Amino acid sequence: MAIDHSEDVGEQVGEHVEEAARKARPWMDRIARTGYVAKGTVYATVGILAGQVAPGSAAGPPARAAPSTASARSPLAGRCSSS
């Protein structure tokens, strides 16, 4: 008759996993904090850039530029219609 050691193996694996998690915990916390700092930096940078652009957009949409002469000389200029 064979002895079933599956419970013992399962407990040993569980103990090893818990021990590895305890050892990794300080490093994981540092990595997580670094990620939060990076995310905050990105949000702050986008906010600052949006704040700098916003006052310029109050004047309305920009004026349309005149068509360039290069497109008027294009061989397809007369064949393309926008309607």
N, C-alpha and C. Protein backbone atom coordinates (compact mmCIF):
# COMPACT_ATOMS: atom_id res chain seq x y z
N MET A 1 0.84 -1.18 0.00
CA MET A 1 0.00 0.00 0.00
C MET A 1 0.89 1.25 0.00
N ALA A 2 0.60 2.21 -0.88
CA ALA A 2 1.39 3.43 -1.01
C ALA A 2 0.90 4.48 -0.02
N ILE A 3 1.84 5.25 0.48
CA ILE A 3 1.51 6.33 1.42
C ILE A 3 1.32 7.61 0.62
N ASP A 4 0.24 8.30 0.92
CA ASP A 4 -0.09 9.54 0.21
C ASP A 4 0.60 10.72 0.91
N HIS A 5 1.59 11.30 0.26
CA HIS A 5 2.31 12.44 0.82
C HIS A 5 1.88 13.76 0.17
N SER A 6 0.80 13.77 -0.56
CA SER A 6 0.40 14.96 -1.29
C SER A 6 0.10 16.13 -0.35
N GLU A 7 -0.44 15.86 0.82
CA GLU A 7 -0.72 16.95 1.77
C GLU A 7 0.58 17.54 2.30
N ASP A 8 1.57 16.68 2.58
CA ASP A 8 2.85 17.17 3.08
C ASP A 8 3.55 18.02 2.03
N VAL A 9 3.51 17.57 0.80
CA VAL A 9 4.14 18.33 -0.28
C VAL A 9 3.43 19.66 -0.47
N GLY A 10 2.12 19.65 -0.43
CA GLY A 10 1.35 20.88 -0.56
C GLY A 10 1.67 21.87 0.55
N GLU A 11 1.80 21.38 1.76
CA GLU A 11 2.14 22.27 2.89
C GLU A 11 3.54 22.84 2.72
N GLN A 12 4.48 22.00 2.28
CA GLN A 12 5.85 22.47 2.08
C GLN A 12 5.92 23.54 0.99
N VAL A 13 5.20 23.31 -0.07
CA VAL A 13 5.18 24.29 -1.15
C VAL A 13 4.57 25.59 -0.65
N GLY A 14 3.48 25.49 0.10
CA GLY A 14 2.84 26.68 0.66
C GLY A 14 3.77 27.46 1.58
N GLU A 15 4.54 26.75 2.39
CA GLU A 15 5.49 27.41 3.29
C GLU A 15 6.59 28.12 2.51
N HIS A 16 7.09 27.45 1.46
CA HIS A 16 8.13 28.07 0.63
C HIS A 16 7.60 29.32 -0.08
N VAL A 17 6.38 29.26 -0.54
CA VAL A 17 5.78 30.41 -1.23
C VAL A 17 5.62 31.57 -0.26
N GLU A 18 5.15 31.29 0.94
CA GLU A 18 4.97 32.35 1.94
C GLU A 18 6.31 32.97 2.32
N GLU A 19 7.34 32.14 2.47
CA GLU A 19 8.66 32.65 2.83
C GLU A 19 9.21 33.53 1.70
N ALA A 20 9.04 33.11 0.47
CA ALA A 20 9.50 33.90 -0.67
C ALA A 20 8.75 35.23 -0.75
N ALA A 21 7.47 35.20 -0.45
CA ALA A 21 6.68 36.43 -0.47
C ALA A 21 7.14 37.39 0.62
N ARG A 22 7.46 36.85 1.80
CA ARG A 22 7.95 37.71 2.89
C ARG A 22 9.27 38.35 2.52
N LYS A 23 10.16 37.60 1.87
CA LYS A 23 11.46 38.15 1.47
C LYS A 23 11.31 39.19 0.36
N ALA A 24 10.38 39.00 -0.53
CA ALA A 24 10.20 39.91 -1.66
C ALA A 24 9.41 41.16 -1.29
N ARG A 25 8.70 41.11 -0.19
CA ARG A 25 7.80 42.21 0.18
C ARG A 25 8.47 43.58 0.22
N PRO A 26 9.64 43.75 0.86
CA PRO A 26 10.24 45.10 0.88
C PRO A 26 10.58 45.62 -0.52
N TRP A 27 11.06 44.73 -1.39
CA TRP A 27 11.39 45.16 -2.75
C TRP A 27 10.14 45.49 -3.54
N MET A 28 9.11 44.72 -3.37
CA MET A 28 7.86 44.99 -4.08
C MET A 28 7.27 46.33 -3.64
N ASP A 29 7.38 46.63 -2.35
CA ASP A 29 6.88 47.91 -1.86
C ASP A 29 7.64 49.07 -2.49
N ARG A 30 8.97 48.94 -2.59
CA ARG A 30 9.77 50.01 -3.21
C ARG A 30 9.43 50.18 -4.68
N ILE A 31 9.26 49.07 -5.36
CA ILE A 31 8.91 49.14 -6.79
C ILE A 31 7.54 49.79 -6.97
N ALA A 32 6.59 49.44 -6.10
CA ALA A 32 5.25 50.02 -6.19
C ALA A 32 5.29 51.52 -5.93
N ARG A 33 6.06 51.94 -4.93
CA ARG A 33 6.18 53.37 -4.64
C ARG A 33 6.81 54.11 -5.81
N THR A 34 7.82 53.52 -6.40
CA THR A 34 8.47 54.14 -7.56
C THR A 34 7.46 54.31 -8.70
N GLY A 35 6.62 53.31 -8.90
CA GLY A 35 5.59 53.40 -9.92
C GLY A 35 4.60 54.51 -9.65
N TYR A 36 4.20 54.65 -8.38
CA TYR A 36 3.28 55.74 -8.03
C TYR A 36 3.92 57.11 -8.25
N VAL A 37 5.20 57.23 -7.91
CA VAL A 37 5.90 58.50 -8.13
C VAL A 37 5.98 58.81 -9.62
N ALA A 38 6.29 57.81 -10.43
CA ALA A 38 6.37 58.01 -11.88
C ALA A 38 5.01 58.42 -12.45
N LYS A 39 3.96 57.75 -11.99
CA LYS A 39 2.62 58.09 -12.48
C LYS A 39 2.24 59.52 -12.09
N GLY A 40 2.56 59.90 -10.86
CA GLY A 40 2.29 61.26 -10.42
C GLY A 40 3.06 62.29 -11.21
N THR A 41 4.30 61.96 -11.54
CA THR A 41 5.12 62.88 -12.34
C THR A 41 4.53 63.07 -13.73
N VAL A 42 4.05 62.00 -14.32
CA VAL A 42 3.43 62.11 -15.65
C VAL A 42 2.16 62.96 -15.57
N TYR A 43 1.33 62.71 -14.56
CA TYR A 43 0.10 63.51 -14.42
C TYR A 43 0.44 64.99 -14.21
N ALA A 44 1.44 65.28 -13.38
CA ALA A 44 1.82 66.67 -13.13
C ALA A 44 2.34 67.33 -14.40
N THR A 45 3.16 66.61 -15.16
CA THR A 45 3.71 67.17 -16.40
C THR A 45 2.60 67.46 -17.40
N VAL A 46 1.67 66.54 -17.56
CA VAL A 46 0.55 66.77 -18.49
C VAL A 46 -0.30 67.94 -18.01
N GLY A 47 -0.51 68.04 -16.71
CA GLY A 47 -1.29 69.15 -16.17
C GLY A 47 -0.62 70.49 -16.41
N ILE A 48 0.68 70.54 -16.20
CA ILE A 48 1.42 71.80 -16.43
C ILE A 48 1.37 72.18 -17.91
N LEU A 49 1.61 71.21 -18.79
CA LEU A 49 1.56 71.51 -20.22
C LEU A 49 0.17 71.94 -20.66
N ALA A 50 -0.86 71.31 -20.14
CA ALA A 50 -2.23 71.71 -20.49
C ALA A 50 -2.52 73.11 -19.97
N GLY A 51 -2.01 73.42 -18.80
CA GLY A 51 -2.20 74.76 -18.25
C GLY A 51 -1.50 75.84 -19.08
N GLN A 52 -0.37 75.50 -19.67
CA GLN A 52 0.35 76.47 -20.49
C GLN A 52 -0.33 76.66 -21.85
N VAL A 53 -0.96 75.62 -22.37
CA VAL A 53 -1.61 75.71 -23.68
C VAL A 53 -2.98 76.35 -23.57
N ALA A 54 -3.67 76.15 -22.49
CA ALA A 54 -5.05 76.60 -22.33
C ALA A 54 -5.24 78.10 -22.55
N PRO A 55 -4.41 78.99 -22.00
CA PRO A 55 -4.64 80.42 -22.23
C PRO A 55 -4.57 80.81 -23.71
N GLY A 56 -3.77 80.14 -24.50
CA GLY A 56 -3.66 80.46 -25.93
C GLY A 56 -4.87 80.02 -26.73
N SER A 57 -5.64 79.07 -26.21
CA SER A 57 -6.79 78.58 -26.97
C SER A 57 -8.04 79.44 -26.76
N ALA A 58 -7.99 80.43 -25.90
CA ALA A 58 -9.15 81.28 -25.64
C ALA A 58 -9.42 82.24 -26.79
N ALA A 59 -8.45 82.48 -27.66
CA ALA A 59 -8.60 83.42 -28.76
C ALA A 59 -9.44 82.85 -29.90
N GLY A 60 -9.73 81.59 -29.88
CA GLY A 60 -10.52 80.98 -30.94
C GLY A 60 -9.67 80.05 -31.78
N PRO A 61 -10.30 79.48 -32.78
CA PRO A 61 -9.55 78.54 -33.63
C PRO A 61 -8.54 79.29 -34.48
N PRO A 62 -7.45 78.64 -34.84
CA PRO A 62 -6.44 79.32 -35.66
C PRO A 62 -6.98 79.59 -37.06
N ALA A 63 -6.45 80.62 -37.69
CA ALA A 63 -6.86 80.98 -39.05
C ALA A 63 -6.37 79.91 -40.02
N ARG A 64 -7.13 79.71 -41.09
CA ARG A 64 -6.71 78.73 -42.09
C ARG A 64 -5.57 79.30 -42.91
N ALA A 65 -4.61 78.48 -43.18
CA ALA A 65 -3.46 78.90 -43.97
C ALA A 65 -3.84 78.86 -45.45
N ALA A 66 -3.20 79.71 -46.21
CA ALA A 66 -3.44 79.74 -47.66
C ALA A 66 -2.88 78.46 -48.26
N PRO A 67 -3.51 77.94 -49.31
CA PRO A 67 -2.98 76.73 -49.92
C PRO A 67 -1.60 76.98 -50.50
N SER A 68 -0.75 76.01 -50.38
CA SER A 68 0.62 76.19 -50.88
C SER A 68 0.63 76.11 -52.40
N THR A 69 1.64 76.72 -52.98
CA THR A 69 1.75 76.70 -54.44
C THR A 69 2.18 75.34 -54.93
N ALA A 70 2.81 74.53 -54.08
CA ALA A 70 3.25 73.20 -54.50
C ALA A 70 2.04 72.32 -54.79
N SER A 71 0.98 72.44 -54.00
CA SER A 71 -0.18 71.60 -54.26
C SER A 71 -0.94 72.09 -55.49
N ALA A 72 -0.88 73.38 -55.80
CA ALA A 72 -1.55 73.90 -56.99
C ALA A 72 -0.85 73.42 -58.26
N ARG A 73 0.44 73.16 -58.18
CA ARG A 73 1.19 72.70 -59.35
C ARG A 73 1.18 71.19 -59.48
N SER A 74 0.52 70.50 -58.58
CA SER A 74 0.50 69.04 -58.61
C SER A 74 -0.29 68.56 -59.82
N PRO A 75 0.14 67.46 -60.45
CA PRO A 75 -0.60 66.94 -61.62
C PRO A 75 -2.00 66.47 -61.24
N LEU A 76 -2.24 66.15 -60.01
CA LEU A 76 -3.57 65.67 -59.58
C LEU A 76 -4.43 66.80 -59.02
N ALA A 77 -3.94 68.02 -59.01
CA ALA A 77 -4.66 69.12 -58.38
C ALA A 77 -6.04 69.32 -58.98
N GLY A 78 -6.19 69.24 -60.27
CA GLY A 78 -7.48 69.46 -60.91
C GLY A 78 -8.38 68.24 -60.90
N ARG A 79 -7.85 67.07 -60.64
CA ARG A 79 -8.63 65.85 -60.72
C ARG A 79 -9.29 65.45 -59.41
N CYS A 80 -8.80 65.97 -58.34
CA CYS A 80 -9.36 65.63 -57.02
C CYS A 80 -10.43 66.65 -56.67
N SER A 81 -11.58 66.17 -56.29
CA SER A 81 -12.64 67.08 -55.85
C SER A 81 -13.00 66.75 -54.41
N SER A 82 -13.30 67.77 -53.65
CA SER A 82 -13.63 67.55 -52.23
C SER A 82 -15.12 67.32 -52.02
N SER A 83 -15.95 67.37 -53.06
CA SER A 83 -17.39 67.19 -52.87
C SER A 83 -17.84 65.78 -53.11
